[in-house]
PDB file of N, CA and C in Angstrom:
ATOM      1  N   MET A   1       0.866  -1.053  -0.194  1.00  0.00           N
ATOM      2  CA  MET A   1       0.291  -0.007  -0.452  1.00  0.00           C
ATOM      3  C   MET A   1       0.451   1.674  -0.134  1.00  0.00           C
ATOM      4  N   PHE A   2       2.095   1.284   1.092  1.00  0.00           N
ATOM      5  CA  PHE A   2       2.539   2.745   0.952  1.00  0.00           C
ATOM      6  C   PHE A   2       3.660   2.756  -0.349  1.00  0.00           C
ATOM      7  N   LEU A   3       3.651   1.559  -0.804  1.00  0.00           N
ATOM      8  CA  LEU A   3       4.455   1.708  -2.332  1.00  0.00           C
ATOM      9  C   LEU A   3       3.752   1.788  -3.070  1.00  0.00           C
ATOM     10  N   LEU A   4       3.144   1.459  -3.486  1.00  0.00           N
ATOM     11  CA  LEU A   4       1.816   2.222  -4.282  1.00  0.00           C
ATOM     12  C   LEU A   4       1.569   3.896  -4.413  1.00  0.00           C
ATOM     13  N   ILE A   5       0.924   4.446  -3.128  1.00  0.00           N
ATOM     14  CA  ILE A   5       1.220   6.030  -2.429  1.00  0.00           C
ATOM     15  C   ILE A   5       2.454   6.496  -2.938  1.00  0.00           C
ATOM     16  N   PHE A   6       3.831   5.699  -2.567  1.00  0.00           N
ATOM     17  CA  PHE A   6       4.919   5.703  -3.002  1.00  0.00           C
ATOM     18  C   PHE A   6       5.310   6.199  -4.484  1.00  0.00           C
ATOM     19  N   LEU A   7       4.671   5.185  -5.317  1.00  0.00           N
ATOM     20  CA  LEU A   7       4.967   5.314  -6.930  1.00  0.00           C
ATOM     21  C   LEU A   7       4.118   6.289  -7.561  1.00  0.00           C
ATOM     22  N   THR A   8       2.794   6.456  -6.655  1.00  0.00           N
ATOM     23  CA  THR A   8       2.137   7.496  -8.081  1.00  0.00           C
ATOM     24  C   THR A   8       2.476   9.086  -7.924  1.00  0.00           C
ATOM     25  N   ASN A   9       3.478   9.071  -6.274  1.00  0.00           N
ATOM     26  CA  ASN A   9       3.629  10.328  -5.837  1.00  0.00           C
ATOM     27  C   ASN A   9       4.439  10.464  -6.898  1.00  0.00           C
ATOM     28  N   LEU A  10       5.905   9.844  -7.015  1.00  0.00           N
ATOM     29  CA  LEU A  10       6.545  10.012  -7.720  1.00  0.00           C
ATOM     30  C   LEU A  10       6.957  10.228  -8.956  1.00  0.00           C
ATOM     31  N   PHE A  11       5.772   9.237  -9.666  1.00  0.00           N
ATOM     32  CA  PHE A  11       4.869  10.208 -10.737  1.00  0.00           C
ATOM     33  C   PHE A  11       4.500  11.435 -11.242  1.00  0.00           C
ATOM     34  N   PHE A  12       3.255  11.047 -10.300  1.00  0.00           N
ATOM     35  CA  PHE A  12       2.588  12.670 -10.849  1.00  0.00           C
ATOM     36  C   PHE A  12       4.432  13.425 -10.735  1.00  0.00           C
ATOM     37  N   TYR A  13       5.326  13.408  -9.473  1.00  0.00           N
ATOM     38  CA  TYR A  13       6.152  14.600  -9.309  1.00  0.00           C
ATOM     39  C   TYR A  13       6.795  14.897 -10.978  1.00  0.00           C
ATOM     40  N   ILE A  14       7.629  12.943 -11.634  1.00  0.00           N
ATOM     41  CA  ILE A  14       7.742  13.485 -12.797  1.00  0.00           C
ATOM     42  C   ILE A  14       7.430  14.228 -14.135  1.00  0.00           C
ATOM     43  N   VAL A  15       5.665  13.969 -13.518  1.00  0.00           N
ATOM     44  CA  VAL A  15       5.371  14.709 -15.067  1.00  0.00           C
ATOM     45  C   VAL A  15       4.581  16.143 -14.880  1.00  0.00           C
ATOM     46  N   CYS A  16       4.864  16.802 -13.323  1.00  0.00           N
ATOM     47  CA  CYS A  16       5.342  17.795 -13.192  1.00  0.00           C
ATOM     48  C   CYS A  16       6.906  18.502 -13.908  1.00  0.00           C
ATOM     49  N   SER A  17       7.074  17.388 -13.105  1.00  0.00           N
ATOM     50  CA  SER A  17       8.894  18.789 -13.594  1.00  0.00           C
ATOM     51  C   SER A  17       8.713  18.812 -15.065  1.00  0.00           C
ATOM     52  N   PHE A  18       8.384  17.122 -15.362  1.00  0.00           N
ATOM     53  CA  PHE A  18       8.632  17.709 -17.343  1.00  0.00           C
ATOM     54  C   PHE A  18       7.413  18.131 -18.286  1.00  0.00           C
ATOM     55  N   PHE A  19       6.607  19.105 -16.836  1.00  0.00           N
ATOM     56  CA  PHE A  19       5.179  19.711 -17.303  1.00  0.00           C
ATOM     57  C   PHE A  19       5.935  21.433 -17.410  1.00  0.00           C
ATOM     58  N   ILE A  20       6.822  21.316 -16.440  1.00  0.00           N
ATOM     59  CA  ILE A  20       6.513  22.675 -16.066  1.00  0.00           C
ATOM     60  C   ILE A  20       8.296  22.646 -16.834  1.00  0.00           C
ATOM     61  N   TYR A  21       9.127  21.877 -17.057  1.00  0.00           N
ATOM     62  CA  TYR A  21      10.436  22.142 -18.226  1.00  0.00           C
ATOM     63  C   TYR A  21       9.706  22.149 -19.443  1.00  0.00           C
ATOM     64  N   LEU A  22       9.076  21.155 -19.760  1.00  0.00           N
ATOM     65  CA  LEU A  22       8.575  21.985 -21.364  1.00  0.00           C
ATOM     66  C   LEU A  22       7.547  23.046 -21.455  1.00  0.00           C
ATOM     67  N   ILE A  23       7.139  23.577 -20.594  1.00  0.00           N
ATOM     68  CA  ILE A  23       6.614  24.606 -20.916  1.00  0.00           C
ATOM     69  C   ILE A  23       7.649  25.780 -20.239  1.00  0.00           C
ATOM     70  N   GLU A  24       8.616  25.824 -20.204  1.00  0.00           N
ATOM     71  CA  GLU A  24      10.067  26.507 -19.849  1.00  0.00           C
ATOM     72  C   GLU A  24      10.195  26.872 -20.979  1.00  0.00           C
ATOM     73  N   LYS A  25      10.734  25.833 -21.966  1.00  0.00           N
ATOM     74  CA  LYS A  25      11.298  25.563 -23.060  1.00  0.00           C
ATOM     75  C   LYS A  25      10.918  26.709 -24.263  1.00  0.00           C
ATOM     76  N   ILE A  26       9.465  26.423 -24.802  1.00  0.00           N
ATOM     77  CA  ILE A  26       8.885  26.463 -24.856  1.00  0.00           C
ATOM     78  C   ILE A  26       7.991  28.337 -24.909  1.00  0.00           C
ATOM     79  N   ARG A  27       8.507  28.517 -22.852  1.00  0.00           N
ATOM     80  CA  ARG A  27       8.471  30.371 -23.072  1.00  0.00           C
ATOM     81  C   ARG A  27       9.904  31.087 -23.296  1.00  0.00           C
ATOM     82  N   MET A  28      11.314  30.374 -23.140  1.00  0.00           N
ATOM     83  CA  MET A  28      12.337  30.455 -23.972  1.00  0.00           C
ATOM     84  C   MET A  28      12.216  30.418 -25.311  1.00  0.00           C
ATOM     85  N   LEU A  29      11.724  29.457 -26.425  1.00  0.00           N
ATOM     86  CA  LEU A  29      11.656  29.299 -27.843  1.00  0.00           C
ATOM     87  C   LEU A  29      10.725  30.811 -28.326  1.00  0.00           C
ATOM     88  N   LEU A  30       9.364  30.677 -27.699  1.00  0.00           N
ATOM     89  CA  LEU A  30       9.108  32.616 -27.723  1.00  0.00           C
ATOM     90  C   LEU A  30       9.581  33.560 -27.548  1.00  0.00           C
ATOM     91  N   LEU A  31      10.133  33.317 -26.631  1.00  0.00           N
ATOM     92  CA  LEU A  31      10.410  34.800 -26.138  1.00  0.00           C
ATOM     93  C   LEU A  31      12.087  34.736 -26.991  1.00  0.00           C
ATOM     94  N   ILE A  32      12.932  33.963 -27.585  1.00  0.00           N
ATOM     95  CA  ILE A  32      14.235  34.346 -28.703  1.00  0.00           C
ATOM     96  C   ILE A  32      13.106  34.759 -30.494  1.00  0.00           C
ATOM     97  N   LEU A  33      11.752  34.202 -30.400  1.00  0.00           N
ATOM     98  CA  LEU A  33      11.818  34.055 -32.148  1.00  0.00           C
ATOM     99  C   LEU A  33      10.808  35.705 -31.512  1.00  0.00           C
ATOM    100  N   PHE A  34       9.709  36.003 -30.325  1.00  0.00           N
ATOM    101  CA  PHE A  34       9.420  37.597 -30.770  1.00  0.00           C
ATOM    102  C   PHE A  34      11.144  38.741 -30.754  1.00  0.00           C
ATOM    103  N   SER A  35      11.772  38.506 -29.767  1.00  0.00           N
ATOM    104  CA  SER A  35      12.969  39.205 -30.409  1.00  0.00           C
ATOM    105  C   SER A  35      13.078  39.619 -31.509  1.00  0.00           C
ATOM    106  N   TYR A  36      13.320  38.578 -31.804  1.00  0.00           N
ATOM    107  CA  TYR A  36      13.947  38.257 -32.965  1.00  0.00           C
ATOM    108  C   TYR A  36      13.207  39.141 -34.722  1.00  0.00           C
ATOM    109  N   ASN A  37      11.140  38.589 -33.891  1.00  0.00           N
ATOM    110  CA  ASN A  37      10.862  39.042 -35.020  1.00  0.00           C
ATOM    111  C   ASN A  37      11.055  40.624 -34.503  1.00  0.00           C
ATOM    112  N   TYR A  38      10.891  41.129 -33.557  1.00  0.00           N
ATOM    113  CA  TYR A  38      10.926  42.298 -33.013  1.00  0.00           C
ATOM    114  C   TYR A  38      12.661  43.612 -34.089  1.00  0.00           C
ATOM    115  N   LEU A  39      13.925  42.919 -33.361  1.00  0.00           N
ATOM    116  CA  LEU A  39      14.360  43.387 -33.566  1.00  0.00           C
ATOM    117  C   LEU A  39      14.874  42.817 -35.444  1.00  0.00           C
ATOM    118  N   SER A  40      14.379  41.980 -36.461  1.00  0.00           N
ATOM    119  CA  SER A  40      14.322  42.148 -37.596  1.00  0.00           C
ATOM    120  C   SER A  40      13.379  42.829 -38.141  1.00  0.00           C
ATOM    121  N   ILE A  41      12.689  43.631 -37.189  1.00  0.00           N
ATOM    122  CA  ILE A  41      11.007  44.935 -38.191  1.00  0.00           C
ATOM    123  C   ILE A  41      11.434  45.954 -37.694  1.00  0.00           C
ATOM    124  N   LYS A  42      12.700  46.223 -36.329  1.00  0.00           N
ATOM    125  CA  LYS A  42      12.864  47.405 -36.239  1.00  0.00           C
ATOM    126  C   LYS A  42      14.484  47.200 -36.671  1.00  0.00           C
ATOM    127  N   LEU A  43      14.896  46.889 -37.556  1.00  0.00           N
ATOM    128  CA  LEU A  43      15.908  47.206 -38.595  1.00  0.00           C
ATOM    129  C   LEU A  43      15.759  47.259 -39.662  1.00  0.00           C
ATOM    130  N   PHE A  44      14.410  46.762 -40.784  1.00  0.00           N
ATOM    131  CA  PHE A  44      14.367  47.126 -41.355  1.00  0.00           C
ATOM    132  C   PHE A  44      12.851  48.650 -41.791  1.00  0.00           C
ATOM    133  N   SER A  45      12.600  48.646 -40.381  1.00  0.00           N
ATOM    134  CA  SER A  45      11.833  49.869 -40.633  1.00  0.00           C
ATOM    135  C   SER A  45      12.650  51.039 -40.386  1.00  0.00           C
ATOM    136  N   MET A  46      13.849  50.466 -40.217  1.00  0.00           N
ATOM    137  CA  MET A  46      15.731  52.192 -40.091  1.00  0.00           C
ATOM    138  C   MET A  46      15.389  52.026 -41.640  1.00  0.00           C
ATOM    139  N   LEU A  47      16.397  50.751 -41.727  1.00  0.00           N
ATOM    140  CA  LEU A  47      16.419  50.439 -43.033  1.00  0.00           C
ATOM    141  C   LEU A  47      15.656  51.514 -44.649  1.00  0.00           C
ATOM    142  N   SER A  48      14.432  51.019 -44.354  1.00  0.00           N
ATOM    143  CA  SER A  48      13.484  51.568 -45.361  1.00  0.00           C
ATOM    144  C   SER A  48      13.066  53.242 -44.988  1.00  0.00           C
ATOM    145  N   ASN A  49      13.504  53.937 -44.764  1.00  0.00           N
ATOM    146  CA  ASN A  49      13.645  55.396 -44.219  1.00  0.00           C
ATOM    147  C   ASN A  49      15.046  56.168 -44.719  1.00  0.00           C
TER     148      ASN A  49
END
């Protein structure tokens, strides 16, 4: 019984950490993409002027 509780807790912990890791990665990627787009737009507007 105790083992079952321990295993379910471990499983939930692993799943939660994985999701947190995934969210962080996605956020970082979005941030990089956004800043890259922002910089390219700024550069383009500077060049067109």
